[in-house]
């Protein structure tokens, strides 16, 4: 699996961010260093869910799903939030 779709969570601000990457550790580090515009104002991000995919398109599609109402319900059940 070359690509990952992931969900990170900031406990302090109760915020989620959904993305895709080829390197989960690098992505998490970038979020915590303020290198990603959408998460720059917060620190303390932790990857709480990830899925691996063979193609970039599949990872993007899944990341977009997380943002939908159905995706939110799916994550709420999986993550017990």
PDB file of N, CA and C in Angstrom:
ATOM      1  N   UNK A   1       0.842  -1.176   0.000  1.00  0.00           N
ATOM      2  CA  UNK A   1       0.000   0.000   0.000  1.00  0.00           C
ATOM      3  C   UNK A   1       0.887   1.239   0.000  1.00  0.00           C
ATOM      4  N   UNK A   2       0.715   2.041  -1.015  1.00  0.00           N
ATOM      5  CA  UNK A   2       1.587   3.192  -1.184  1.00  0.00           C
ATOM      6  C   UNK A   2       1.015   4.490  -0.641  1.00  0.00           C
ATOM      7  N   UNK A   3      -0.288   4.550  -0.478  1.00  0.00           N
ATOM      8  CA  UNK A   3      -0.937   5.774  -0.030  1.00  0.00           C
ATOM      9  C   UNK A   3      -1.819   5.495   1.173  1.00  0.00           C
ATOM     10  N   UNK A   4      -1.957   6.509   2.003  1.00  0.00           N
ATOM     11  CA  UNK A   4      -2.778   6.384   3.202  1.00  0.00           C
ATOM     12  C   UNK A   4      -3.769   7.520   3.289  1.00  0.00           C
ATOM     13  N   UNK A   5      -4.930   7.208   3.720  1.00  0.00           N
ATOM     14  CA  UNK A   5      -5.934   8.188   4.087  1.00  0.00           C
ATOM     15  C   UNK A   5      -5.927   8.177   5.611  1.00  0.00           C
ATOM     16  N   UNK A   6      -5.928   9.369   6.225  1.00  0.00           N
ATOM     17  CA  UNK A   6      -5.785   9.404   7.675  1.00  0.00           C
ATOM     18  C   UNK A   6      -6.685  10.453   8.314  1.00  0.00           C
ATOM     19  N   UNK A   7      -6.874  10.274   9.614  1.00  0.00           N
ATOM     20  CA  UNK A   7      -7.629  11.216  10.433  1.00  0.00           C
ATOM     21  C   UNK A   7      -6.727  11.573  11.600  1.00  0.00           C
ATOM     22  N   UNK A   8      -6.524  12.867  11.811  1.00  0.00           N
ATOM     23  CA  UNK A   8      -5.786  13.306  12.985  1.00  0.00           C
ATOM     24  C   UNK A   8      -6.737  14.076  13.888  1.00  0.00           C
ATOM     25  N   UNK A   9      -6.402  14.079  15.160  1.00  0.00           N
ATOM     26  CA  UNK A   9      -7.283  14.692  16.157  1.00  0.00           C
ATOM     27  C   UNK A   9      -6.464  15.554  17.097  1.00  0.00           C
ATOM     28  N   UNK A  10      -7.043  16.697  17.463  1.00  0.00           N
ATOM     29  CA  UNK A  10      -6.439  17.592  18.434  1.00  0.00           C
ATOM     30  C   UNK A  10      -7.326  17.606  19.670  1.00  0.00           C
ATOM     31  N   UNK A  11      -6.876  16.966  20.729  1.00  0.00           N
ATOM     32  CA  UNK A  11      -7.661  16.826  21.954  1.00  0.00           C
ATOM     33  C   UNK A  11      -7.960  18.175  22.600  1.00  0.00           C
ATOM     34  N   UNK A  12      -6.995  19.054  22.622  1.00  0.00           N
ATOM     35  CA  UNK A  12      -7.145  20.359  23.269  1.00  0.00           C
ATOM     36  C   UNK A  12      -8.294  21.176  22.675  1.00  0.00           C
ATOM     37  N   UNK A  13      -8.448  21.105  21.367  1.00  0.00           N
ATOM     38  CA  UNK A  13      -9.470  21.900  20.674  1.00  0.00           C
ATOM     39  C   UNK A  13     -10.601  21.063  20.110  1.00  0.00           C
ATOM     40  N   UNK A  14     -10.572  19.746  20.352  1.00  0.00           N
ATOM     41  CA  UNK A  14     -11.604  18.837  19.880  1.00  0.00           C
ATOM     42  C   UNK A  14     -11.845  18.989  18.377  1.00  0.00           C
ATOM     43  N   UNK A  15     -10.757  18.975  17.615  1.00  0.00           N
ATOM     44  CA  UNK A  15     -10.833  19.151  16.163  1.00  0.00           C
ATOM     45  C   UNK A  15     -10.250  17.942  15.445  1.00  0.00           C
ATOM     46  N   UNK A  16     -10.838  17.648  14.283  1.00  0.00           N
ATOM     47  CA  UNK A  16     -10.362  16.592  13.416  1.00  0.00           C
ATOM     48  C   UNK A  16      -9.857  17.202  12.114  1.00  0.00           C
ATOM     49  N   UNK A  17      -8.930  16.515  11.471  1.00  0.00           N
ATOM     50  CA  UNK A  17      -8.481  16.878  10.134  1.00  0.00           C
ATOM     51  C   UNK A  17      -8.348  15.576   9.358  1.00  0.00           C
ATOM     52  N   UNK A  18      -8.745  15.602   8.095  1.00  0.00           N
ATOM     53  CA  UNK A  18      -8.750  14.416   7.244  1.00  0.00           C
ATOM     54  C   UNK A  18      -7.817  14.666   6.071  1.00  0.00           C
ATOM     55  N   UNK A  19      -6.917  13.737   5.804  1.00  0.00           N
ATOM     56  CA  UNK A  19      -5.984  13.936   4.709  1.00  0.00           C
ATOM     57  C   UNK A  19      -5.515  12.625   4.120  1.00  0.00           C
ATOM     58  N   UNK A  20      -4.573  12.740   3.182  1.00  0.00           N
ATOM     59  CA  UNK A  20      -3.965  11.560   2.578  1.00  0.00           C
ATOM     60  C   UNK A  20      -2.480  11.838   2.403  1.00  0.00           C
ATOM     61  N   UNK A  21      -1.693  10.779   2.392  1.00  0.00           N
ATOM     62  CA  UNK A  21      -0.242  10.931   2.314  1.00  0.00           C
ATOM     63  C   UNK A  21       0.406   9.625   1.888  1.00  0.00           C
ATOM     64  N   UNK A  22       1.673   9.693   1.596  1.00  0.00           N
ATOM     65  CA  UNK A  22       2.467   8.492   1.351  1.00  0.00           C
ATOM     66  C   UNK A  22       3.265   8.125   2.606  1.00  0.00           C
ATOM     67  N   UNK A  23       3.433   9.073   3.532  1.00  0.00           N
ATOM     68  CA  UNK A  23       4.253   8.868   4.724  1.00  0.00           C
ATOM     69  C   UNK A  23       3.513   9.410   5.946  1.00  0.00           C
ATOM     70  N   UNK A  24       2.942   8.519   6.742  1.00  0.00           N
ATOM     71  CA  UNK A  24       2.134   8.933   7.891  1.00  0.00           C
ATOM     72  C   UNK A  24       2.943   9.688   8.946  1.00  0.00           C
ATOM     73  N   UNK A  25       4.139   9.219   9.242  1.00  0.00           N
ATOM     74  CA  UNK A  25       4.964   9.889  10.256  1.00  0.00           C
ATOM     75  C   UNK A  25       5.329  11.305   9.818  1.00  0.00           C
ATOM     76  N   UNK A  26       5.667  11.444   8.563  1.00  0.00           N
ATOM     77  CA  UNK A  26       6.026  12.761   8.031  1.00  0.00           C
ATOM     78  C   UNK A  26       4.813  13.695   8.052  1.00  0.00           C
ATOM     79  N   UNK A  27       3.644  13.179   7.714  1.00  0.00           N
ATOM     80  CA  UNK A  27       2.427  13.993   7.719  1.00  0.00           C
ATOM     81  C   UNK A  27       2.096  14.470   9.125  1.00  0.00           C
ATOM     82  N   UNK A  28       2.152  13.566  10.100  1.00  0.00           N
ATOM     83  CA  UNK A  28       1.850  13.937  11.483  1.00  0.00           C
ATOM     84  C   UNK A  28       2.838  14.995  11.980  1.00  0.00           C
ATOM     85  N   UNK A  29       4.095  14.822  11.655  1.00  0.00           N
ATOM     86  CA  UNK A  29       5.125  15.789  12.059  1.00  0.00           C
ATOM     87  C   UNK A  29       4.870  17.158  11.425  1.00  0.00           C
ATOM     88  N   UNK A  30       4.506  17.165  10.144  1.00  0.00           N
ATOM     89  CA  UNK A  30       4.228  18.425   9.443  1.00  0.00           C
ATOM     90  C   UNK A  30       3.055  19.165  10.078  1.00  0.00           C
ATOM     91  N   UNK A  31       2.026  18.443  10.464  1.00  0.00           N
ATOM     92  CA  UNK A  31       0.880  19.069  11.123  1.00  0.00           C
ATOM     93  C   UNK A  31       1.295  19.686  12.453  1.00  0.00           C
ATOM     94  N   UNK A  32       2.104  18.979  13.210  1.00  0.00           N
ATOM     95  CA  UNK A  32       2.509  19.462  14.529  1.00  0.00           C
ATOM     96  C   UNK A  32       3.540  20.586  14.475  1.00  0.00           C
ATOM     97  N   UNK A  33       4.249  20.701  13.358  1.00  0.00           N
ATOM     98  CA  UNK A  33       5.212  21.788  13.190  1.00  0.00           C
ATOM     99  C   UNK A  33       4.587  23.028  12.554  1.00  0.00           C
ATOM    100  N   UNK A  34       3.286  22.968  12.259  1.00  0.00           N
ATOM    101  CA  UNK A  34       2.608  24.113  11.674  1.00  0.00           C
ATOM    102  C   UNK A  34       2.875  24.298  10.192  1.00  0.00           C
ATOM    103  N   UNK A  35       3.267  23.254   9.505  1.00  0.00           N
ATOM    104  CA  UNK A  35       3.580  23.346   8.081  1.00  0.00           C
ATOM    105  C   UNK A  35       2.372  23.143   7.177  1.00  0.00           C
ATOM    106  N   UNK A  36       1.229  22.794   7.757  1.00  0.00           N
ATOM    107  CA  UNK A  36      -0.002  22.592   6.995  1.00  0.00           C
ATOM    108  C   UNK A  36      -0.947  23.735   7.342  1.00  0.00           C
ATOM    109  N   UNK A  37      -1.357  24.502   6.338  1.00  0.00           N
ATOM    110  CA  UNK A  37      -2.174  25.700   6.566  1.00  0.00           C
ATOM    111  C   UNK A  37      -3.412  25.445   7.421  1.00  0.00           C
ATOM    112  N   UNK A  38      -4.140  24.382   7.122  1.00  0.00           N
ATOM    113  CA  UNK A  38      -5.413  24.124   7.793  1.00  0.00           C
ATOM    114  C   UNK A  38      -5.252  23.769   9.272  1.00  0.00           C
ATOM    115  N   UNK A  39      -4.096  23.292   9.682  1.00  0.00           N
ATOM    116  CA  UNK A  39      -3.893  22.894  11.080  1.00  0.00           C
ATOM    117  C   UNK A  39      -2.828  23.737  11.780  1.00  0.00           C
ATOM    118  N   UNK A  40      -2.381  24.766  11.138  1.00  0.00           N
ATOM    119  CA  UNK A  40      -1.283  25.595  11.631  1.00  0.00           C
ATOM    120  C   UNK A  40      -1.553  26.212  13.004  1.00  0.00           C
ATOM    121  N   UNK A  41      -2.779  26.595  13.282  1.00  0.00           N
ATOM    122  CA  UNK A  41      -3.095  27.307  14.515  1.00  0.00           C
ATOM    123  C   UNK A  41      -3.181  26.416  15.747  1.00  0.00           C
ATOM    124  N   UNK A  42      -3.030  25.126  15.576  1.00  0.00           N
ATOM    125  CA  UNK A  42      -3.132  24.187  16.690  1.00  0.00           C
ATOM    126  C   UNK A  42      -1.931  23.248  16.671  1.00  0.00           C
ATOM    127  N   UNK A  43      -1.536  22.794  17.836  1.00  0.00           N
ATOM    128  CA  UNK A  43      -0.484  21.783  17.927  1.00  0.00           C
ATOM    129  C   UNK A  43      -1.034  20.614  18.739  1.00  0.00           C
ATOM    130  N   UNK A  44      -0.304  19.537  18.760  1.00  0.00           N
ATOM    131  CA  UNK A  44      -0.749  18.367  19.517  1.00  0.00           C
ATOM    132  C   UNK A  44      -1.637  17.438  18.717  1.00  0.00           C
ATOM    133  N   UNK A  45      -1.410  17.343  17.413  1.00  0.00           N
ATOM    134  CA  UNK A  45      -2.190  16.451  16.554  1.00  0.00           C
ATOM    135  C   UNK A  45      -1.702  15.013  16.704  1.00  0.00           C
ATOM    136  N   UNK A  46      -2.642  14.092  16.703  1.00  0.00           N
ATOM    137  CA  UNK A  46      -2.342  12.670  16.800  1.00  0.00           C
ATOM    138  C   UNK A  46      -3.156  11.914  15.762  1.00  0.00           C
ATOM    139  N   UNK A  47      -2.510  10.993  15.062  1.00  0.00           N
ATOM    140  CA  UNK A  47      -3.235  10.168  14.091  1.00  0.00           C
ATOM    141  C   UNK A  47      -4.102   9.189  14.877  1.00  0.00           C
ATOM    142  N   UNK A  48      -5.409   9.229  14.625  1.00  0.00           N
ATOM    143  CA  UNK A  48      -6.335   8.358  15.334  1.00  0.00           C
ATOM    144  C   UNK A  48      -6.923   7.273  14.435  1.00  0.00           C
ATOM    145  N   UNK A  49      -6.756   7.431  13.118  1.00  0.00           N
ATOM    146  CA  UNK A  49      -7.274   6.412  12.193  1.00  0.00           C
ATOM    147  C   UNK A  49      -6.527   6.522  10.879  1.00  0.00           C
ATOM    148  N   UNK A  50      -6.277   5.367  10.265  1.00  0.00           N
ATOM    149  CA  UNK A  50      -5.602   5.347   8.970  1.00  0.00           C
ATOM    150  C   UNK A  50      -6.054   4.139   8.177  1.00  0.00           C
ATOM    151  N   UNK A  51      -6.026   4.287   6.861  1.00  0.00           N
ATOM    152  CA  UNK A  51      -6.329   3.192   5.944  1.00  0.00           C
ATOM    153  C   UNK A  51      -5.339   3.258   4.799  1.00  0.00           C
ATOM    154  N   UNK A  52      -4.864   2.113   4.356  1.00  0.00           N
ATOM    155  CA  UNK A  52      -3.922   2.054   3.259  1.00  0.00           C
ATOM    156  C   UNK A  52      -4.607   1.752   1.937  1.00  0.00           C
ATOM    157  N   UNK A  53      -4.077   2.344   0.858  1.00  0.00           N
ATOM    158  CA  UNK A  53      -4.640   2.165  -0.486  1.00  0.00           C
ATOM    159  C   UNK A  53      -3.526   2.004  -1.509  1.00  0.00           C
ATOM    160  N   UNK A  54      -3.851   1.348  -2.600  1.00  0.00           N
ATOM    161  CA  UNK A  54      -2.886   1.106  -3.665  1.00  0.00           C
ATOM    162  C   UNK A  54      -2.669   2.343  -4.535  1.00  0.00           C
ATOM    163  N   UNK A  55      -3.698   3.195  -4.644  1.00  0.00           N
ATOM    164  CA  UNK A  55      -3.573   4.365  -5.510  1.00  0.00           C
ATOM    165  C   UNK A  55      -3.886   5.653  -4.758  1.00  0.00           C
ATOM    166  N   UNK A  56      -3.348   6.736  -5.282  1.00  0.00           N
ATOM    167  CA  UNK A  56      -3.586   8.059  -4.709  1.00  0.00           C
ATOM    168  C   UNK A  56      -5.059   8.433  -4.798  1.00  0.00           C
ATOM    169  N   UNK A  57      -5.690   8.097  -5.907  1.00  0.00           N
ATOM    170  CA  UNK A  57      -7.100   8.425  -6.117  1.00  0.00           C
ATOM    171  C   UNK A  57      -7.992   7.769  -5.056  1.00  0.00           C
ATOM    172  N   UNK A  58      -7.686   6.522  -4.704  1.00  0.00           N
ATOM    173  CA  UNK A  58      -8.470   5.834  -3.677  1.00  0.00           C
ATOM    174  C   UNK A  58      -8.304   6.519  -2.318  1.00  0.00           C
ATOM    175  N   UNK A  59      -7.092   6.922  -1.999  1.00  0.00           N
ATOM    176  CA  UNK A  59      -6.832   7.591  -0.724  1.00  0.00           C
ATOM    177  C   UNK A  59      -7.547   8.942  -0.666  1.00  0.00           C
ATOM    178  N   UNK A  60      -7.536   9.679  -1.758  1.00  0.00           N
ATOM    179  CA  UNK A  60      -8.236  10.976  -1.821  1.00  0.00           C
ATOM    180  C   UNK A  60      -9.732  10.764  -1.665  1.00  0.00           C
ATOM    181  N   UNK A  61     -10.264   9.787  -2.361  1.00  0.00           N
ATOM    182  CA  UNK A  61     -11.704   9.502  -2.292  1.00  0.00           C
ATOM    183  C   UNK A  61     -12.117   9.167  -0.858  1.00  0.00           C
ATOM    184  N   UNK A  62     -11.308   8.380  -0.166  1.00  0.00           N
ATOM    185  CA  UNK A  62     -11.638   8.001   1.205  1.00  0.00           C
ATOM    186  C   UNK A  62     -11.529   9.200   2.149  1.00  0.00           C
ATOM    187  N   UNK A  63     -10.542  10.030   1.938  1.00  0.00           N
ATOM    188  CA  UNK A  63     -10.383  11.234   2.748  1.00  0.00           C
ATOM    189  C   UNK A  63     -11.597  12.153   2.598  1.00  0.00           C
ATOM    190  N   UNK A  64     -12.103  12.269   1.398  1.00  0.00           N
ATOM    191  CA  UNK A  64     -13.307  13.079   1.161  1.00  0.00           C
ATOM    192  C   UNK A  64     -14.529  12.437   1.809  1.00  0.00           C
ATOM    193  N   UNK A  65     -14.567  11.112   1.814  1.00  0.00           N
ATOM    194  CA  UNK A  65     -15.668  10.406   2.467  1.00  0.00           C
ATOM    195  C   UNK A  65     -15.714  10.747   3.950  1.00  0.00           C
ATOM    196  N   UNK A  66     -14.561  10.812   4.604  1.00  0.00           N
ATOM    197  CA  UNK A  66     -14.516  11.133   6.032  1.00  0.00           C
ATOM    198  C   UNK A  66     -15.199  12.467   6.335  1.00  0.00           C
ATOM    199  N   UNK A  67     -15.158  13.376   5.388  1.00  0.00           N
ATOM    200  CA  UNK A  67     -15.735  14.703   5.591  1.00  0.00           C
ATOM    201  C   UNK A  67     -17.251  14.722   5.416  1.00  0.00           C
ATOM    202  N   UNK A  68     -17.811  13.697   4.813  1.00  0.00           N
ATOM    203  CA  UNK A  68     -19.253  13.630   4.583  1.00  0.00           C
ATOM    204  C   UNK A  68     -19.979  13.212   5.861  1.00  0.00           C
ATOM    205  N   UNK A  69     -21.283  13.382   5.878  1.00  0.00           N
ATOM    206  CA  UNK A  69     -22.081  12.970   7.029  1.00  0.00           C
ATOM    207  C   UNK A  69     -21.959  11.466   7.273  1.00  0.00           C
ATOM    208  N   UNK A  70     -22.011  10.681   6.202  1.00  0.00           N
ATOM    209  CA  UNK A  70     -21.854   9.228   6.334  1.00  0.00           C
ATOM    210  C   UNK A  70     -20.464   8.889   6.863  1.00  0.00           C
ATOM    211  N   UNK A  71     -19.462   9.607   6.396  1.00  0.00           N
ATOM    212  CA  UNK A  71     -18.095   9.397   6.866  1.00  0.00           C
ATOM    213  C   UNK A  71     -17.939   9.757   8.330  1.00  0.00           C
ATOM    214  N   UNK A  72     -18.590  10.833   8.753  1.00  0.00           N
ATOM    215  CA  UNK A  72     -18.552  11.230  10.163  1.00  0.00           C
ATOM    216  C   UNK A  72     -19.181  10.154  11.041  1.00  0.00           C
ATOM    217  N   UNK A  73     -20.284   9.595  10.597  1.00  0.00           N
ATOM    218  CA  UNK A  73     -20.933   8.515  11.342  1.00  0.00           C
ATOM    219  C   UNK A  73     -20.032   7.287  11.420  1.00  0.00           C
ATOM    220  N   UNK A  74     -19.405   6.945  10.297  1.00  0.00           N
ATOM    221  CA  UNK A  74     -18.482   5.812  10.236  1.00  0.00           C
ATOM    222  C   UNK A  74     -17.353   5.998  11.246  1.00  0.00           C
ATOM    223  N   UNK A  75     -16.732   7.171  11.231  1.00  0.00           N
ATOM    224  CA  UNK A  75     -15.616   7.436  12.140  1.00  0.00           C
ATOM    225  C   UNK A  75     -16.064   7.460  13.598  1.00  0.00           C
ATOM    226  N   UNK A  76     -17.237   8.014  13.832  1.00  0.00           N
ATOM    227  CA  UNK A  76     -17.750   8.076  15.205  1.00  0.00           C
ATOM    228  C   UNK A  76     -17.902   6.656  15.769  1.00  0.00           C
ATOM    229  N   UNK A  77     -18.397   5.735  14.949  1.00  0.00           N
ATOM    230  CA  UNK A  77     -18.553   4.340  15.376  1.00  0.00           C
ATOM    231  C   UNK A  77     -17.204   3.648  15.569  1.00  0.00           C
ATOM    232  N   UNK A  78     -16.294   3.862  14.635  1.00  0.00           N
ATOM    233  CA  UNK A  78     -14.985   3.218  14.678  1.00  0.00           C
ATOM    234  C   UNK A  78     -14.159   3.749  15.859  1.00  0.00           C
ATOM    235  N   UNK A  79     -14.181   5.076  16.050  1.00  0.00           N
ATOM    236  CA  UNK A  79     -13.324   5.705  17.048  1.00  0.00           C
ATOM    237  C   UNK A  79     -13.960   5.882  18.406  1.00  0.00           C
ATOM    238  N   UNK A  80     -15.254   5.561  18.513  1.00  0.00           N
ATOM    239  CA  UNK A  80     -15.985   5.725  19.775  1.00  0.00           C
ATOM    240  C   UNK A  80     -15.986   7.158  20.288  1.00  0.00           C
ATOM    241  N   UNK A  81     -16.168   8.111  19.386  1.00  0.00           N
ATOM    242  CA  UNK A  81     -16.254   9.524  19.768  1.00  0.00           C
ATOM    243  C   UNK A  81     -17.699   9.919  19.923  1.00  0.00           C
TER     244      UNK A  81
END
